PDB file of N, CA and C in Angstrom:
ATOM      1  N   MET A   1       0.839  -1.176   0.000  1.00  0.00           N
ATOM      2  CA  MET A   1       0.000   0.000   0.000  1.00  0.00           C
ATOM      3  C   MET A   1       0.890   1.247   0.000  1.00  0.00           C
ATOM      4  N   HIS A   2       0.522   2.197  -0.806  1.00  0.00           N
ATOM      5  CA  HIS A   2       1.268   3.442  -0.872  1.00  0.00           C
ATOM      6  C   HIS A   2       0.917   4.321   0.323  1.00  0.00           C
ATOM      7  N   LEU A   3       1.875   5.100   0.724  1.00  0.00           N
ATOM      8  CA  LEU A   3       1.664   6.018   1.839  1.00  0.00           C
ATOM      9  C   LEU A   3       0.786   7.200   1.427  1.00  0.00           C
ATOM     10  N   ALA A   4       0.710   7.472   0.137  1.00  0.00           N
ATOM     11  CA  ALA A   4      -0.029   8.643  -0.331  1.00  0.00           C
ATOM     12  C   ALA A   4      -1.525   8.533  -0.061  1.00  0.00           C
ATOM     13  N   TYR A   5      -2.096   7.346  -0.132  1.00  0.00           N
ATOM     14  CA  TYR A   5      -3.542   7.203   0.042  1.00  0.00           C
ATOM     15  C   TYR A   5      -4.010   7.609   1.440  1.00  0.00           C
ATOM     16  N   PRO A   6      -3.443   7.037   2.501  1.00  0.00           N
ATOM     17  CA  PRO A   6      -3.895   7.495   3.823  1.00  0.00           C
ATOM     18  C   PRO A   6      -3.468   8.931   4.136  1.00  0.00           C
ATOM     19  N   ALA A   7      -2.354   9.380   3.576  1.00  0.00           N
ATOM     20  CA  ALA A   7      -1.922  10.760   3.827  1.00  0.00           C
ATOM     21  C   ALA A   7      -2.875  11.755   3.174  1.00  0.00           C
ATOM     22  N   VAL A   8      -3.333  11.465   1.974  1.00  0.00           N
ATOM     23  CA  VAL A   8      -4.281  12.358   1.302  1.00  0.00           C
ATOM     24  C   VAL A   8      -5.621  12.331   2.028  1.00  0.00           C
ATOM     25  N   LEU A   9      -6.066  11.138   2.435  1.00  0.00           N
ATOM     26  CA  LEU A   9      -7.319  11.032   3.180  1.00  0.00           C
ATOM     27  C   LEU A   9      -7.233  11.791   4.502  1.00  0.00           C
ATOM     28  N   ALA A  10      -6.109  11.678   5.192  1.00  0.00           N
ATOM     29  CA  ALA A  10      -5.930  12.404   6.454  1.00  0.00           C
ATOM     30  C   ALA A  10      -5.904  13.912   6.218  1.00  0.00           C
ATOM     31  N   ALA A  11      -5.272  14.341   5.128  1.00  0.00           N
ATOM     32  CA  ALA A  11      -5.248  15.774   4.821  1.00  0.00           C
ATOM     33  C   ALA A  11      -6.653  16.289   4.529  1.00  0.00           C
ATOM     34  N   LEU A  12      -7.452  15.519   3.801  1.00  0.00           N
ATOM     35  CA  LEU A  12      -8.827  15.919   3.517  1.00  0.00           C
ATOM     36  C   LEU A  12      -9.658  15.972   4.796  1.00  0.00           C
ATOM     37  N   LEU A  13      -9.506  14.970   5.653  1.00  0.00           N
ATOM     38  CA  LEU A  13     -10.233  14.969   6.925  1.00  0.00           C
ATOM     39  C   LEU A  13      -9.836  16.164   7.783  1.00  0.00           C
ATOM     40  N   PHE A  14      -8.542  16.463   7.818  1.00  0.00           N
ATOM     41  CA  PHE A  14      -8.072  17.590   8.610  1.00  0.00           C
ATOM     42  C   PHE A  14      -8.619  18.903   8.062  1.00  0.00           C
ATOM     43  N   CYS A  15      -8.661  19.049   6.731  1.00  0.00           N
ATOM     44  CA  CYS A  15      -9.189  20.277   6.126  1.00  0.00           C
ATOM     45  C   CYS A  15     -10.674  20.435   6.406  1.00  0.00           C
ATOM     46  N   VAL A  16     -11.430  19.334   6.354  1.00  0.00           N
ATOM     47  CA  VAL A  16     -12.855  19.405   6.671  1.00  0.00           C
ATOM     48  C   VAL A  16     -13.050  19.801   8.137  1.00  0.00           C
ATOM     49  N   GLY A  17     -12.232  19.233   9.023  1.00  0.00           N
ATOM     50  CA  GLY A  17     -12.307  19.600  10.435  1.00  0.00           C
ATOM     51  C   GLY A  17     -11.921  21.046  10.680  1.00  0.00           C
ATOM     52  N   LEU A  18     -10.903  21.513   9.988  1.00  0.00           N
ATOM     53  CA  LEU A  18     -10.485  22.906  10.138  1.00  0.00           C
ATOM     54  C   LEU A  18     -11.573  23.858   9.644  1.00  0.00           C
ATOM     55  N   TYR A  19     -12.200  23.513   8.538  1.00  0.00           N
ATOM     56  CA  TYR A  19     -13.318  24.325   8.048  1.00  0.00           C
ATOM     57  C   TYR A  19     -14.449  24.342   9.077  1.00  0.00           C
ATOM     58  N   GLY A  20     -14.729  23.196   9.682  1.00  0.00           N
ATOM     59  CA  GLY A  20     -15.780  23.137  10.689  1.00  0.00           C
ATOM     60  C   GLY A  20     -15.474  23.981  11.905  1.00  0.00           C
ATOM     61  N   VAL A  21     -14.223  24.020  12.318  1.00  0.00           N
ATOM     62  CA  VAL A  21     -13.846  24.835  13.477  1.00  0.00           C
ATOM     63  C   VAL A  21     -13.963  26.325  13.145  1.00  0.00           C
ATOM     64  N   LEU A  22     -13.554  26.702  11.948  1.00  0.00           N
ATOM     65  CA  LEU A  22     -13.544  28.112  11.593  1.00  0.00           C
ATOM     66  C   LEU A  22     -14.912  28.645  11.159  1.00  0.00           C
ATOM     67  N   ALA A  23     -15.764  27.797  10.601  1.00  0.00           N
ATOM     68  CA  ALA A  23     -17.005  28.290  10.012  1.00  0.00           C
ATOM     69  C   ALA A  23     -18.235  28.039  10.872  1.00  0.00           C
ATOM     70  N   ARG A  24     -18.214  27.059  11.739  1.00  0.00           N
ATOM     71  CA  ARG A  24     -19.408  26.707  12.500  1.00  0.00           C
ATOM     72  C   ARG A  24     -19.603  27.658  13.657  1.00  0.00           C
ATOM     73  N   ARG A  25     -20.874  27.800  14.043  1.00  0.00           N
ATOM     74  CA  ARG A  25     -21.200  28.657  15.172  1.00  0.00           C
ATOM     75  C   ARG A  25     -21.670  27.865  16.371  1.00  0.00           C
ATOM     76  N   ASN A  26     -22.141  26.667  16.159  1.00  0.00           N
ATOM     77  CA  ASN A  26     -22.616  25.837  17.254  1.00  0.00           C
ATOM     78  C   ASN A  26     -21.413  25.184  17.942  1.00  0.00           C
ATOM     79  N   ALA A  27     -21.366  25.256  19.243  1.00  0.00           N
ATOM     80  CA  ALA A  27     -20.210  24.748  19.996  1.00  0.00           C
ATOM     81  C   ALA A  27     -20.076  23.234  19.868  1.00  0.00           C
ATOM     82  N   ILE A  28     -21.185  22.520  19.762  1.00  0.00           N
ATOM     83  CA  ILE A  28     -21.115  21.057  19.627  1.00  0.00           C
ATOM     84  C   ILE A  28     -20.483  20.702  18.284  1.00  0.00           C
ATOM     85  N   LEU A  29     -20.847  21.414  17.234  1.00  0.00           N
ATOM     86  CA  LEU A  29     -20.259  21.140  15.925  1.00  0.00           C
ATOM     87  C   LEU A  29     -18.779  21.508  15.889  1.00  0.00           C
ATOM     88  N   VAL A  30     -18.390  22.515  16.638  1.00  0.00           N
ATOM     89  CA  VAL A  30     -16.970  22.864  16.727  1.00  0.00           C
ATOM     90  C   VAL A  30     -16.205  21.736  17.417  1.00  0.00           C
ATOM     91  N   LEU A  31     -16.774  21.186  18.489  1.00  0.00           N
ATOM     92  CA  LEU A  31     -16.123  20.054  19.170  1.00  0.00           C
ATOM     93  C   LEU A  31     -16.028  18.838  18.257  1.00  0.00           C
ATOM     94  N   MET A  32     -17.071  18.581  17.475  1.00  0.00           N
ATOM     95  CA  MET A  32     -17.024  17.461  16.530  1.00  0.00           C
ATOM     96  C   MET A  32     -15.954  17.688  15.465  1.00  0.00           C
ATOM     97  N   SER A  33     -15.765  18.923  15.048  1.00  0.00           N
ATOM     98  CA  SER A  33     -14.738  19.231  14.059  1.00  0.00           C
ATOM     99  C   SER A  33     -13.336  19.041  14.634  1.00  0.00           C
ATOM    100  N   VAL A  34     -13.165  19.385  15.900  1.00  0.00           N
ATOM    101  CA  VAL A  34     -11.868  19.147  16.555  1.00  0.00           C
ATOM    102  C   VAL A  34     -11.593  17.648  16.622  1.00  0.00           C
ATOM    103  N   GLU A  35     -12.613  16.859  16.915  1.00  0.00           N
ATOM    104  CA  GLU A  35     -12.438  15.406  16.938  1.00  0.00           C
ATOM    105  C   GLU A  35     -12.073  14.876  15.555  1.00  0.00           C
ATOM    106  N   LEU A  36     -12.656  15.446  14.516  1.00  0.00           N
ATOM    107  CA  LEU A  36     -12.326  15.031  13.153  1.00  0.00           C
ATOM    108  C   LEU A  36     -10.869  15.335  12.840  1.00  0.00           C
ATOM    109  N   MET A  37     -10.376  16.478  13.307  1.00  0.00           N
ATOM    110  CA  MET A  37      -8.972  16.823  13.104  1.00  0.00           C
ATOM    111  C   MET A  37      -8.059  15.862  13.855  1.00  0.00           C
ATOM    112  N   LEU A  38      -8.435  15.493  15.074  1.00  0.00           N
ATOM    113  CA  LEU A  38      -7.622  14.545  15.839  1.00  0.00           C
ATOM    114  C   LEU A  38      -7.615  13.164  15.180  1.00  0.00           C
ATOM    115  N   ASN A  39      -8.730  12.767  14.602  1.00  0.00           N
ATOM    116  CA  ASN A  39      -8.763  11.483  13.908  1.00  0.00           C
ATOM    117  C   ASN A  39      -7.903  11.498  12.649  1.00  0.00           C
ATOM    118  N   ALA A  40      -7.797  12.636  11.996  1.00  0.00           N
ATOM    119  CA  ALA A  40      -6.901  12.751  10.844  1.00  0.00           C
ATOM    120  C   ALA A  40      -5.449  12.587  11.286  1.00  0.00           C
ATOM    121  N   VAL A  41      -5.116  13.168  12.408  1.00  0.00           N
ATOM    122  CA  VAL A  41      -3.758  13.005  12.945  1.00  0.00           C
ATOM    123  C   VAL A  41      -3.504  11.547  13.318  1.00  0.00           C
ATOM    124  N   ASN A  42      -4.499  10.898  13.917  1.00  0.00           N
ATOM    125  CA  ASN A  42      -4.352   9.483  14.273  1.00  0.00           C
ATOM    126  C   ASN A  42      -4.136   8.620  13.037  1.00  0.00           C
ATOM    127  N   LEU A  43      -4.851   8.922  11.967  1.00  0.00           N
ATOM    128  CA  LEU A  43      -4.677   8.173  10.722  1.00  0.00           C
ATOM    129  C   LEU A  43      -3.257   8.334  10.191  1.00  0.00           C
ATOM    130  N   ASN A  44      -2.716   9.527  10.250  1.00  0.00           N
ATOM    131  CA  ASN A  44      -1.328   9.745   9.825  1.00  0.00           C
ATOM    132  C   ASN A  44      -0.344   8.989  10.708  1.00  0.00           C
ATOM    133  N   LEU A  45      -0.572   9.011  12.014  1.00  0.00           N
ATOM    134  CA  LEU A  45       0.339   8.300  12.924  1.00  0.00           C
ATOM    135  C   LEU A  45       0.382   6.811  12.619  1.00  0.00           C
ATOM    136  N   VAL A  46      -0.774   6.207  12.423  1.00  0.00           N
ATOM    137  CA  VAL A  46      -0.809   4.772  12.144  1.00  0.00           C
ATOM    138  C   VAL A  46      -0.236   4.473  10.763  1.00  0.00           C
ATOM    139  N   ALA A  47      -0.536   5.303   9.777  1.00  0.00           N
ATOM    140  CA  ALA A  47      -0.027   5.068   8.418  1.00  0.00           C
ATOM    141  C   ALA A  47       1.495   5.155   8.378  1.00  0.00           C
ATOM    142  N   PHE A  48       2.056   6.151   9.032  1.00  0.00           N
ATOM    143  CA  PHE A  48       3.520   6.260   9.040  1.00  0.00           C
ATOM    144  C   PHE A  48       4.162   5.162   9.881  1.00  0.00           C
ATOM    145  N   ASP A  49       3.472   4.700  10.914  1.00  0.00           N
ATOM    146  CA  ASP A  49       3.995   3.595  11.710  1.00  0.00           C
ATOM    147  C   ASP A  49       4.078   2.325  10.869  1.00  0.00           C
ATOM    148  N   VAL A  50       3.057   2.065  10.073  1.00  0.00           N
ATOM    149  CA  VAL A  50       3.067   0.883   9.206  1.00  0.00           C
ATOM    150  C   VAL A  50       4.096   1.051   8.098  1.00  0.00           C
ATOM    151  N   TRP A  51       4.196   2.250   7.541  1.00  0.00           N
ATOM    152  CA  TRP A  51       5.126   2.476   6.435  1.00  0.00           C
ATOM    153  C   TRP A  51       6.583   2.342   6.880  1.00  0.00           C
ATOM    154  N   LEU A  52       6.889   2.826   8.081  1.00  0.00           N
ATOM    155  CA  LEU A  52       8.269   2.756   8.579  1.00  0.00           C
ATOM    156  C   LEU A  52       8.607   1.395   9.176  1.00  0.00           C
ATOM    157  N   ARG A  53       7.607   0.558   9.398  1.00  0.00           N
ATOM    158  CA  ARG A  53       7.783  -0.770  10.007  1.00  0.00           C
ATOM    159  C   ARG A  53       8.539  -0.670  11.331  1.00  0.00           C
ATOM    160  N   ASP A  54       8.039   0.208  12.170  1.00  0.00           N
ATOM    161  CA  ASP A  54       8.653   0.433  13.479  1.00  0.00           C
ATOM    162  C   ASP A  54       8.425  -0.791  14.366  1.00  0.00           C
ATOM    163  N   ALA A  55       9.481  -1.295  14.972  1.00  0.00           N
ATOM    164  CA  ALA A  55       9.366  -2.483  15.821  1.00  0.00           C
ATOM    165  C   ALA A  55       8.638  -2.175  17.120  1.00  0.00           C
ATOM    166  N   LEU A  56       8.756  -0.957  17.607  1.00  0.00           N
ATOM    167  CA  LEU A  56       8.101  -0.582  18.857  1.00  0.00           C
ATOM    168  C   LEU A  56       6.659  -0.117  18.656  1.00  0.00           C
ATOM    169  N   HIS A  57       6.259   0.128  17.422  1.00  0.00           N
ATOM    170  CA  HIS A  57       4.917   0.636  17.094  1.00  0.00           C
ATOM    171  C   HIS A  57       4.617   1.913  17.871  1.00  0.00           C
ATOM    172  N   ALA A  58       5.528   2.854  17.779  1.00  0.00           N
ATOM    173  CA  ALA A  58       5.378   4.115  18.505  1.00  0.00           C
ATOM    174  C   ALA A  58       4.202   4.926  17.981  1.00  0.00           C
ATOM    175  N   GLY A  59       3.933   4.871  16.692  1.00  0.00           N
ATOM    176  CA  GLY A  59       2.811   5.605  16.132  1.00  0.00           C
ATOM    177  C   GLY A  59       1.480   5.103  16.666  1.00  0.00           C
ATOM    178  N   GLN A  60       1.356   3.786  16.798  1.00  0.00           N
ATOM    179  CA  GLN A  60       0.119   3.216  17.318  1.00  0.00           C
ATOM    180  C   GLN A  60      -0.037   3.509  18.808  1.00  0.00           C
ATOM    181  N   ALA A  61       1.066   3.491  19.540  1.00  0.00           N
ATOM    182  CA  ALA A  61       1.004   3.818  20.973  1.00  0.00           C
ATOM    183  C   ALA A  61       0.617   5.286  21.169  1.00  0.00           C
ATOM    184  N   LEU A  62       1.187   6.164  20.358  1.00  0.00           N
ATOM    185  CA  LEU A  62       0.838   7.585  20.451  1.00  0.00           C
ATOM    186  C   LEU A  62      -0.617   7.815  20.047  1.00  0.00           C
ATOM    187  N   THR A  63      -1.125   7.018  19.121  1.00  0.00           N
ATOM    188  CA  THR A  63      -2.527   7.105  18.731  1.00  0.00           C
ATOM    189  C   THR A  63      -3.432   6.749  19.906  1.00  0.00           C
ATOM    190  N   LEU A  64      -3.071   5.737  20.679  1.00  0.00           N
ATOM    191  CA  LEU A  64      -3.869   5.378  21.857  1.00  0.00           C
ATOM    192  C   LEU A  64      -3.893   6.509  22.875  1.00  0.00           C
ATOM    193  N   PHE A  65      -2.756   7.162  23.086  1.00  0.00           N
ATOM    194  CA  PHE A  65      -2.726   8.312  23.989  1.00  0.00           C
ATOM    195  C   PHE A  65      -3.581   9.457  23.449  1.00  0.00           C
ATOM    196  N   THR A  66      -3.543   9.677  22.143  1.00  0.00           N
ATOM    197  CA  THR A  66      -4.342  10.736  21.535  1.00  0.00           C
ATOM    198  C   THR A  66      -5.832  10.451  21.689  1.00  0.00           C
ATOM    199  N   ILE A  67      -6.230   9.196  21.543  1.00  0.00           N
ATOM    200  CA  ILE A  67      -7.634   8.826  21.715  1.00  0.00           C
ATOM    201  C   ILE A  67      -8.073   9.057  23.156  1.00  0.00           C
ATOM    202  N   ALA A  68      -7.215   8.731  24.110  1.00  0.00           N
ATOM    203  CA  ALA A  68      -7.549   8.955  25.523  1.00  0.00           C
ATOM    204  C   ALA A  68      -7.678  10.448  25.828  1.00  0.00           C
ATOM    205  N   ILE A  69      -6.771  11.247  25.301  1.00  0.00           N
ATOM    206  CA  ILE A  69      -6.845  12.696  25.500  1.00  0.00           C
ATOM    207  C   ILE A  69      -8.093  13.267  24.836  1.00  0.00           C
ATOM    208  N   ALA A  70      -8.437  12.767  23.651  1.00  0.00           N
ATOM    209  CA  ALA A  70      -9.625  13.251  22.942  1.00  0.00           C
ATOM    210  C   ALA A  70     -10.900  12.909  23.710  1.00  0.00           C
ATOM    211  N   ALA A  71     -10.932  11.736  24.333  1.00  0.00           N
ATOM    212  CA  ALA A  71     -12.114  11.358  25.121  1.00  0.00           C
ATOM    213  C   ALA A  71     -12.270  12.275  26.328  1.00  0.00           C
ATOM    214  N   ALA A  72     -11.173  12.589  26.988  1.00  0.00           N
ATOM    215  CA  ALA A  72     -11.234  13.507  28.127  1.00  0.00           C
ATOM    216  C   ALA A  72     -11.629  14.906  27.667  1.00  0.00           C
ATOM    217  N   GLU A  73     -11.092  15.332  26.538  1.00  0.00           N
ATOM    218  CA  GLU A  73     -11.398  16.669  26.013  1.00  0.00           C
ATOM    219  C   GLU A  73     -12.863  16.790  25.653  1.00  0.00           C
ATOM    220  N   ILE A  74     -13.437  15.778  25.037  1.00  0.00           N
ATOM    221  CA  ILE A  74     -14.831  15.868  24.637  1.00  0.00           C
ATOM    222  C   ILE A  74     -15.747  15.810  25.854  1.00  0.00           C
ATOM    223  N   GLY A  75     -15.362  15.070  26.883  1.00  0.00           N
ATOM    224  CA  GLY A  75     -16.163  15.033  28.108  1.00  0.00           C
ATOM    225  C   GLY A  75     -16.200  16.382  28.805  1.00  0.00           C
ATOM    226  N   ILE A  76     -15.046  16.994  28.946  1.00  0.00           N
ATOM    227  CA  ILE A  76     -14.984  18.311  29.584  1.00  0.00           C
ATOM    228  C   ILE A  76     -15.634  19.371  28.697  1.00  0.00           C
ATOM    229  N   GLY A  77     -15.406  19.279  27.390  1.00  0.00           N
ATOM    230  CA  GLY A  77     -15.997  20.243  26.469  1.00  0.00           C
ATOM    231  C   GLY A  77     -17.516  20.188  26.471  1.00  0.00           C
ATOM    232  N   LEU A  78     -18.092  18.984  26.491  1.00  0.00           N
ATOM    233  CA  LEU A  78     -19.544  18.872  26.532  1.00  0.00           C
ATOM    234  C   LEU A  78     -20.107  19.383  27.854  1.00  0.00           C
ATOM    235  N   ALA A  79     -19.390  19.150  28.937  1.00  0.00           N
ATOM    236  CA  ALA A  79     -19.844  19.680  30.228  1.00  0.00           C
ATOM    237  C   ALA A  79     -19.857  21.211  30.213  1.00  0.00           C
ATOM    238  N   ILE A  80     -18.839  21.813  29.638  1.00  0.00           N
ATOM    239  CA  ILE A  80     -18.793  23.278  29.548  1.00  0.00           C
ATOM    240  C   ILE A  80     -19.903  23.797  28.651  1.00  0.00           C
ATOM    241  N   VAL A  81     -20.133  23.130  27.524  1.00  0.00           N
ATOM    242  CA  VAL A  81     -21.190  23.568  26.601  1.00  0.00           C
ATOM    243  C   VAL A  81     -22.554  23.456  27.273  1.00  0.00           C
ATOM    244  N   LEU A  82     -22.812  22.380  27.998  1.00  0.00           N
ATOM    245  CA  LEU A  82     -24.089  22.239  28.700  1.00  0.00           C
ATOM    246  C   LEU A  82     -24.264  23.307  29.771  1.00  0.00           C
ATOM    247  N   MET A  83     -23.201  23.630  30.507  1.00  0.00           N
ATOM    248  CA  MET A  83     -23.281  24.670  31.518  1.00  0.00           C
ATOM    249  C   MET A  83     -23.565  26.034  30.894  1.00  0.00           C
ATOM    250  N   VAL A  84     -22.899  26.330  29.785  1.00  0.00           N
ATOM    251  CA  VAL A  84     -23.114  27.598  29.102  1.00  0.00           C
ATOM    252  C   VAL A  84     -24.532  27.649  28.526  1.00  0.00           C
ATOM    253  N   HIS A  85     -25.011  26.533  27.978  1.00  0.00           N
ATOM    254  CA  HIS A  85     -26.361  26.510  27.416  1.00  0.00           C
ATOM    255  C   HIS A  85     -27.419  26.705  28.499  1.00  0.00           C
ATOM    256  N   ARG A  86     -27.201  26.136  29.663  1.00  0.00           N
ATOM    257  CA  ARG A  86     -28.140  26.339  30.771  1.00  0.00           C
ATOM    258  C   ARG A  86     -28.148  27.783  31.245  1.00  0.00           C
ATOM    259  N   ASN A  87     -26.977  28.398  31.331  1.00  0.00           N
ATOM    260  CA  ASN A  87     -26.885  29.771  31.834  1.00  0.00           C
ATOM    261  C   ASN A  87     -27.311  30.812  30.803  1.00  0.00           C
ATOM    262  N   ARG A  88     -26.922  30.638  29.552  1.00  0.00           N
ATOM    263  CA  ARG A  88     -27.159  31.648  28.536  1.00  0.00           C
ATOM    264  C   ARG A  88     -28.325  31.328  27.602  1.00  0.00           C
ATOM    265  N   GLY A  89     -28.719  30.066  27.517  1.00  0.00           N
ATOM    266  CA  GLY A  89     -29.818  29.687  26.644  1.00  0.00           C
ATOM    267  C   GLY A  89     -29.419  29.456  25.202  1.00  0.00           C
ATOM    268  N   THR A  90     -28.153  29.507  24.889  1.00  0.00           N
ATOM    269  CA  THR A  90     -27.684  29.261  23.531  1.00  0.00           C
ATOM    270  C   THR A  90     -26.279  28.667  23.585  1.00  0.00           C
ATOM    271  N   SER A  91     -25.953  27.922  22.533  1.00  0.00           N
ATOM    272  CA  SER A  91     -24.591  27.409  22.413  1.00  0.00           C
ATOM    273  C   SER A  91     -23.910  27.999  21.184  1.00  0.00           C
ATOM    274  N   ASP A  92     -24.415  29.139  20.718  1.00  0.00           N
ATOM    275  CA  ASP A  92     -23.839  29.855  19.590  1.00  0.00           C
ATOM    276  C   ASP A  92     -22.527  30.495  20.030  1.00  0.00           C
ATOM    277  N   VAL A  93     -21.446  30.116  19.363  1.00  0.00           N
ATOM    278  CA  VAL A  93     -20.115  30.569  19.770  1.00  0.00           C
ATOM    279  C   VAL A  93     -19.956  32.073  19.562  1.00  0.00           C
ATOM    280  N   ASP A  94     -20.559  32.617  18.522  1.00  0.00           N
ATOM    281  CA  ASP A  94     -20.421  34.055  18.258  1.00  0.00           C
ATOM    282  C   ASP A  94     -21.109  34.902  19.319  1.00  0.00           C
ATOM    283  N   ARG A  95     -22.185  34.400  19.906  1.00  0.00           N
ATOM    284  CA  ARG A  95     -22.914  35.171  20.905  1.00  0.00           C
ATOM    285  C   ARG A  95     -22.321  35.023  22.303  1.00  0.00           C
ATOM    286  N   LEU A  96     -21.412  34.072  22.478  1.00  0.00           N
ATOM    287  CA  LEU A  96     -20.791  33.841  23.782  1.00  0.00           C
ATOM    288  C   LEU A  96     -19.386  34.415  23.782  1.00  0.00           C
ATOM    289  N   ARG A  97     -19.268  35.670  24.018  1.00  0.00           N
ATOM    290  CA  ARG A  97     -17.941  36.298  23.997  1.00  0.00           C
ATOM    291  C   ARG A  97     -17.144  35.949  25.231  1.00  0.00           C
ATOM    292  N   ASP A  98     -17.789  35.894  26.384  1.00  0.00           N
ATOM    293  CA  ASP A  98     -17.112  35.488  27.613  1.00  0.00           C
ATOM    294  C   ASP A  98     -18.162  35.012  28.608  1.00  0.00           C
ATOM    295  N   ASN A  99     -17.725  34.343  29.638  1.00  0.00           N
ATOM    296  CA  ASN A  99     -18.640  33.836  30.656  1.00  0.00           C
ATOM    297  C   ASN A  99     -18.885  34.837  31.770  1.00  0.00           C
ATOM    298  N   ALA A 100     -18.137  35.909  31.815  1.00  0.00           N
ATOM    299  CA  ALA A 100     -18.289  36.892  32.882  1.00  0.00           C
ATOM    300  C   ALA A 100     -19.506  37.762  32.615  1.00  0.00           C
ATOM    301  N   GLU A 101     -20.092  38.235  33.673  1.00  0.00           N
ATOM    302  CA  GLU A 101     -21.201  39.167  33.540  1.00  0.00           C
ATOM    303  C   GLU A 101     -20.645  40.510  33.093  1.00  0.00           C
ATOM    304  N   PRO A 102     -21.401  41.278  32.332  1.00  0.00           N
ATOM    305  CA  PRO A 102     -20.881  42.572  31.857  1.00  0.00           C
ATOM    306  C   PRO A 102     -20.711  43.557  33.009  1.00  0.00           C
ATOM    307  N   HIS A 103     -19.609  44.288  32.969  1.00  0.00           N
ATOM    308  CA  HIS A 103     -19.327  45.312  33.973  1.00  0.00           C
ATOM    309  C   HIS A 103     -19.707  46.658  33.377  1.00  0.00           C
ATOM    310  N   GLY A 104     -20.785  47.217  33.856  1.00  0.00           N
ATOM    311  CA  GLY A 104     -21.215  48.516  33.353  1.00  0.00           C
ATOM    312  C   GLY A 104     -20.956  49.590  34.389  1.00  0.00           C
ATOM    313  N   PRO A 105     -21.290  50.831  34.058  1.00  0.00           N
ATOM    314  CA  PRO A 105     -21.047  51.927  35.007  1.00  0.00           C
ATOM    315  C   PRO A 105     -21.938  51.837  36.239  1.00  0.00           C
ATOM    316  N   GLY A 106     -23.066  51.122  36.161  1.00  0.00           N
ATOM    317  CA  GLY A 106     -23.970  51.060  37.305  1.00  0.00           C
ATOM    318  C   GLY A 106     -23.779  49.835  38.178  1.00  0.00           C
ATOM    319  N   THR A 107     -22.787  49.012  37.914  1.00  0.00           N
ATOM    320  CA  THR A 107     -22.600  47.804  38.708  1.00  0.00           C
ATOM    321  C   THR A 107     -21.726  48.077  39.908  1.00  0.00           C
ATOM    322  N   ASP A 108     -21.972  47.317  40.978  1.00  0.00           N
ATOM    323  CA  ASP A 108     -21.204  47.500  42.217  1.00  0.00           C
ATOM    324  C   ASP A 108     -19.855  46.807  42.167  1.00  0.00           C
ATOM    325  N   ASP A 109     -19.731  45.772  41.349  1.00  0.00           N
ATOM    326  CA  ASP A 109     -18.484  45.001  41.323  1.00  0.00           C
ATOM    327  C   ASP A 109     -17.572  45.494  40.208  1.00  0.00           C
ATOM    328  N   ALA A 110     -17.164  46.739  40.325  1.00  0.00           N
ATOM    329  CA  ALA A 110     -16.279  47.336  39.327  1.00  0.00           C
ATOM    330  C   ALA A 110     -14.889  46.717  39.440  1.00  0.00           C
ATOM    331  N   GLU A 111     -14.075  46.962  38.445  1.00  0.00           N
ATOM    332  CA  GLU A 111     -12.722  46.427  38.438  1.00  0.00           C
ATOM    333  C   GLU A 111     -11.932  46.955  39.631  1.00  0.00           C
ATOM    334  N   PRO A 112     -11.225  46.095  40.339  1.00  0.00           N
ATOM    335  CA  PRO A 112     -10.427  46.591  41.468  1.00  0.00           C
ATOM    336  C   PRO A 112      -9.257  47.434  40.980  1.00  0.00           C
ATOM    337  N   ARG A 113      -8.985  48.476  41.713  1.00  0.00           N
ATOM    338  CA  ARG A 113      -7.908  49.383  41.343  1.00  0.00           C
ATOM    339  C   ARG A 113      -6.597  48.823  41.853  1.00  0.00           C
ATOM    340  N   THR A 114      -5.611  48.762  40.983  1.00  0.00           N
ATOM    341  CA  THR A 114      -4.289  48.278  41.386  1.00  0.00           C
ATOM    342  C   THR A 114      -3.344  49.456  41.480  1.00  0.00           C
ATOM    343  N   ALA A 115      -2.369  49.306  42.327  1.00  0.00           N
ATOM    344  CA  ALA A 115      -1.401  50.382  42.530  1.00  0.00           C
ATOM    345  C   ALA A 115      -0.477  50.464  41.334  1.00  0.00           C
ATOM    346  N   GLY A 116      -0.240  51.686  40.854  1.00  0.00           N
ATOM    347  CA  GLY A 116       0.653  51.896  39.732  1.00  0.00           C
ATOM    348  C   GLY A 116       2.101  51.937  40.191  1.00  0.00           C
ATOM    349  N   ALA A 117       3.001  52.168  39.271  1.00  0.00           N
ATOM    350  CA  ALA A 117       4.431  52.188  39.575  1.00  0.00           C
ATOM    351  C   ALA A 117       4.781  53.367  40.493  1.00  0.00           C
ATOM    352  N   ASP A 118       4.092  54.512  40.306  1.00  0.00           N
ATOM    353  CA  ASP A 118       4.382  55.691  41.149  1.00  0.00           C
ATOM    354  C   ASP A 118       3.978  55.431  42.586  1.00  0.00           C
ATOM    355  N   GLU A 119       2.820  54.820  42.778  1.00  0.00           N
ATOM    356  CA  GLU A 119       2.327  54.561  44.131  1.00  0.00           C
ATOM    357  C   GLU A 119       3.174  53.485  44.820  1.00  0.00           C
ATOM    358  N   LYS A 120       3.665  52.526  44.062  1.00  0.00           N
ATOM    359  CA  LYS A 120       4.520  51.489  44.663  1.00  0.00           C
ATOM    360  C   LYS A 120       5.852  52.087  45.094  1.00  0.00           C
ATOM    361  N   ALA A 121       6.390  53.034  44.324  1.00  0.00           N
ATOM    362  CA  ALA A 121       7.646  53.663  44.688  1.00  0.00           C
ATOM    363  C   ALA A 121       7.477  54.531  45.939  1.00  0.00           C
ATOM    364  N   GLU A 122       6.329  55.230  46.027  1.00  0.00           N
ATOM    365  CA  GLU A 122       6.076  56.044  47.224  1.00  0.00           C
ATOM    366  C   GLU A 122       5.885  55.176  48.457  1.00  0.00           C
ATOM    367  N   ALA A 123       5.235  54.048  48.295  1.00  0.00           N
ATOM    368  CA  ALA A 123       4.997  53.157  49.425  1.00  0.00           C
ATOM    369  C   ALA A 123       6.289  52.528  49.909  1.00  0.00           C
ATOM    370  N   ALA A 124       7.225  52.294  49.008  1.00  0.00           N
ATOM    371  CA  ALA A 124       8.497  51.682  49.382  1.00  0.00           C
ATOM    372  C   ALA A 124       9.409  52.685  50.079  1.00  0.00           C
ATOM    373  N   ALA A 125       9.219  53.982  49.834  1.00  0.00           N
ATOM    374  CA  ALA A 125      10.107  55.003  50.406  1.00  0.00           C
ATOM    375  C   ALA A 125       9.744  55.364  51.816  1.00  0.00           C
TER     376      ALA A 125
END
């Protein structure tokens, strides 16, 4: 088997995943696109491991670690998306700029004032 076939397939999968990350607005679809990109990387790792005929099968071992990391990432990512959806009512990435409440001029929890360089020098003297 030629190395070009799985490499081209992995490149196509990675490009589709990258498009999904950049173009999608739904957080669940963005997470699915990240998983697609990780699977493209896994395909490359296994293909190069077979092509190089590595005795230790390092590519396959690294693929197992990548799958474990991806499972943990998707679990935490889905928990965050569910929490944001419960609090905000949407999982649209464009509408979720940050999780903090807006600080306006009428709010009591304004930004804390930090001492500047001049005040620190006076305090030290």
